[in-house]
Amino acid sequence: MLKRRKKTLKVNFFEKGGISNNVTFILFVVLLMIIQIGISLKSEKTIILIRESEKKIFDLQMKSRSLTIKMMGLYKRSVIKAKLKDSELIDSDKLPLIIER
């Protein structure tokens, strides 16, 4: 068996009988090439999906940050006072009491 492998690698495929004697080896190499092409195409699709997901994550992060900034603006005392003008509620001028242990 080992001698046959050595012979397969030493024989020139284009000599008389070289191709017909090594058809199984040639088919095996072609099969490996087809598998390699399939794997590379699948990895490209995966890379494209990862990039799209990263872009969506970045967009969601920016949206979250902008919403956080807007929320922080709503917590301002002047904004709260402006919203309470038309209602019957009033704001207190006293500072909150802090209880410490």
C-alpha atoms as a PDB file:
ATOM      1  CA  MET A   1       0.000   0.000   0.000  1.00  0.00           C
ATOM      2  CA  LEU A   2       2.813   2.403   0.878  1.00  0.00           C
ATOM      3  CA  LYS A   3       4.615   1.613  -2.374  1.00  0.00           C
ATOM      4  CA  ARG A   4       1.449   2.424  -4.320  1.00  0.00           C
ATOM      5  CA  ARG A   5       1.237   5.867  -2.679  1.00  0.00           C
ATOM      6  CA  LYS A   6       4.822   6.609  -3.555  1.00  0.00           C
ATOM      7  CA  LYS A   7       4.156   5.539  -7.104  1.00  0.00           C
ATOM      8  CA  THR A   8       1.066   7.770  -7.317  1.00  0.00           C
ATOM      9  CA  LEU A   9       3.041  10.815  -6.314  1.00  0.00           C
ATOM     10  CA  LYS A  10       6.029  10.064  -8.572  1.00  0.00           C
ATOM     11  CA  VAL A  11       4.153   9.226 -11.782  1.00  0.00           C
ATOM     12  CA  ASN A  12       3.590  12.073 -14.186  1.00  0.00           C
ATOM     13  CA  PHE A  13      -0.152  12.267 -14.879  1.00  0.00           C
ATOM     14  CA  PHE A  14       0.335  13.187 -18.508  1.00  0.00           C
ATOM     15  CA  GLU A  15       2.431  10.144 -19.392  1.00  0.00           C
ATOM     16  CA  LYS A  16       0.889   7.055 -20.977  1.00  0.00           C
ATOM     17  CA  GLY A  17      -1.463   5.435 -18.444  1.00  0.00           C
ATOM     18  CA  GLY A  18      -0.874   8.061 -15.758  1.00  0.00           C
ATOM     19  CA  ILE A  19      -4.392   9.470 -15.695  1.00  0.00           C
ATOM     20  CA  SER A  20      -6.209   6.163 -15.986  1.00  0.00           C
ATOM     21  CA  ASN A  21      -4.154   4.591 -13.199  1.00  0.00           C
ATOM     22  CA  ASN A  22      -4.827   7.479 -10.805  1.00  0.00           C
ATOM     23  CA  VAL A  23      -8.477   8.285 -11.461  1.00  0.00           C
ATOM     24  CA  THR A  24      -9.440   7.750  -7.804  1.00  0.00           C
ATOM     25  CA  PHE A  25      -6.705  10.097  -6.619  1.00  0.00           C
ATOM     26  CA  ILE A  26      -7.741  12.753  -9.153  1.00  0.00           C
ATOM     27  CA  LEU A  27     -11.406  12.447  -8.152  1.00  0.00           C
ATOM     28  CA  PHE A  28     -10.432  12.707  -4.496  1.00  0.00           C
ATOM     29  CA  VAL A  29      -8.487  15.918  -5.136  1.00  0.00           C
ATOM     30  CA  VAL A  30     -11.423  17.354  -7.138  1.00  0.00           C
ATOM     31  CA  LEU A  31     -13.806  16.443  -4.292  1.00  0.00           C
ATOM     32  CA  LEU A  32     -11.551  18.224  -1.797  1.00  0.00           C
ATOM     33  CA  MET A  33     -11.476  21.297  -4.036  1.00  0.00           C
ATOM     34  CA  ILE A  34     -15.285  21.357  -4.267  1.00  0.00           C
ATOM     35  CA  ILE A  35     -15.569  21.028  -0.481  1.00  0.00           C
ATOM     36  CA  GLN A  36     -13.076  23.884  -0.027  1.00  0.00           C
ATOM     37  CA  ILE A  37     -15.042  26.144  -2.390  1.00  0.00           C
ATOM     38  CA  GLY A  38     -18.276  25.359  -0.544  1.00  0.00           C
ATOM     39  CA  ILE A  39     -16.736  26.097   2.836  1.00  0.00           C
ATOM     40  CA  SER A  40     -15.275  29.407   1.635  1.00  0.00           C
ATOM     41  CA  LEU A  41     -18.643  30.526   0.210  1.00  0.00           C
ATOM     42  CA  LYS A  42     -20.393  29.656   3.474  1.00  0.00           C
ATOM     43  CA  SER A  43     -17.774  31.570   5.461  1.00  0.00           C
ATOM     44  CA  GLU A  44     -18.272  34.624   3.205  1.00  0.00           C
ATOM     45  CA  LYS A  45     -22.017  34.510   3.888  1.00  0.00           C
ATOM     46  CA  THR A  46     -21.306  34.280   7.610  1.00  0.00           C
ATOM     47  CA  ILE A  47     -18.948  37.272   7.444  1.00  0.00           C
ATOM     48  CA  ILE A  48     -21.607  39.308   5.611  1.00  0.00           C
ATOM     49  CA  LEU A  49     -24.200  38.416   8.283  1.00  0.00           C
ATOM     50  CA  ILE A  50     -21.782  39.381  11.054  1.00  0.00           C
ATOM     51  CA  ARG A  51     -21.107  42.780   9.443  1.00  0.00           C
ATOM     52  CA  GLU A  52     -24.838  43.443   9.049  1.00  0.00           C
ATOM     53  CA  SER A  53     -25.414  42.495  12.695  1.00  0.00           C
ATOM     54  CA  GLU A  54     -22.599  44.772  13.843  1.00  0.00           C
ATOM     55  CA  LYS A  55     -24.104  47.639  11.857  1.00  0.00           C
ATOM     56  CA  LYS A  56     -27.526  47.045  13.436  1.00  0.00           C
ATOM     57  CA  ILE A  57     -25.963  46.905  16.898  1.00  0.00           C
ATOM     58  CA  PHE A  58     -24.129  50.178  16.270  1.00  0.00           C
ATOM     59  CA  ASP A  59     -27.351  51.852  15.097  1.00  0.00           C
ATOM     60  CA  LEU A  60     -29.206  50.615  18.177  1.00  0.00           C
ATOM     61  CA  GLN A  61     -26.416  51.874  20.443  1.00  0.00           C
ATOM     62  CA  MET A  62     -26.585  55.329  18.881  1.00  0.00           C
ATOM     63  CA  LYS A  63     -30.379  55.342  19.214  1.00  0.00           C
ATOM     64  CA  SER A  64     -30.079  54.306  22.857  1.00  0.00           C
ATOM     65  CA  ARG A  65     -27.576  57.069  23.575  1.00  0.00           C
ATOM     66  CA  SER A  66     -29.735  59.718  21.923  1.00  0.00           C
ATOM     67  CA  LEU A  67     -32.781  58.550  23.907  1.00  0.00           C
ATOM     68  CA  THR A  68     -30.731  58.653  27.111  1.00  0.00           C
ATOM     69  CA  ILE A  69     -29.672  62.230  26.361  1.00  0.00           C
ATOM     70  CA  LYS A  70     -33.301  63.213  25.712  1.00  0.00           C
ATOM     71  CA  MET A  71     -34.396  61.546  28.966  1.00  0.00           C
ATOM     72  CA  MET A  72     -31.719  63.416  30.911  1.00  0.00           C
ATOM     73  CA  GLY A  73     -33.066  66.660  29.464  1.00  0.00           C
ATOM     74  CA  LEU A  74     -36.546  65.808  30.769  1.00  0.00           C
ATOM     75  CA  TYR A  75     -35.224  65.450  34.334  1.00  0.00           C
ATOM     76  CA  LYS A  76     -34.179  69.110  34.509  1.00  0.00           C
ATOM     77  CA  ARG A  77     -36.020  71.169  37.055  1.00  0.00           C
ATOM     78  CA  SER A  78     -36.823  73.927  34.536  1.00  0.00           C
ATOM     79  CA  VAL A  79     -38.460  71.447  32.163  1.00  0.00           C
ATOM     80  CA  ILE A  80     -40.534  69.984  34.978  1.00  0.00           C
ATOM     81  CA  LYS A  81     -41.627  73.480  36.072  1.00  0.00           C
ATOM     82  CA  ALA A  82     -42.653  74.352  32.510  1.00  0.00           C
ATOM     83  CA  LYS A  83     -44.795  71.223  32.309  1.00  0.00           C
ATOM     84  CA  LEU A  84     -46.405  71.898  35.699  1.00  0.00           C
ATOM     85  CA  LYS A  85     -47.445  75.498  34.840  1.00  0.00           C
ATOM     86  CA  ASP A  86     -50.791  74.509  33.356  1.00  0.00           C
ATOM     87  CA  SER A  87     -51.636  71.922  36.013  1.00  0.00           C
ATOM     88  CA  GLU A  88     -52.661  72.428  39.609  1.00  0.00           C
ATOM     89  CA  LEU A  89     -49.489  70.873  40.950  1.00  0.00           C
ATOM     90  CA  ILE A  90     -46.794  73.073  42.400  1.00  0.00           C
ATOM     91  CA  ASP A  91     -43.149  72.375  42.979  1.00  0.00           C
ATOM     92  CA  SER A  92     -41.490  72.641  46.344  1.00  0.00           C
ATOM     93  CA  ASP A  93     -38.672  75.073  47.061  1.00  0.00           C
ATOM     94  CA  LYS A  94     -37.529  73.049  50.072  1.00  0.00           C
ATOM     95  CA  LEU A  95     -34.571  70.780  49.679  1.00  0.00           C
ATOM     96  CA  PRO A  96     -35.227  67.069  50.201  1.00  0.00           C
ATOM     97  CA  LEU A  97     -34.381  65.622  53.598  1.00  0.00           C
ATOM     98  CA  ILE A  98     -31.528  63.141  53.426  1.00  0.00           C
ATOM     99  CA  ILE A  99     -31.554  60.418  56.046  1.00  0.00           C
ATOM    100  CA  GLU A 100     -28.176  58.921  56.889  1.00  0.00           C
ATOM    101  CA  ARG A 101     -27.299  55.995  59.114  1.00  0.00           C
END
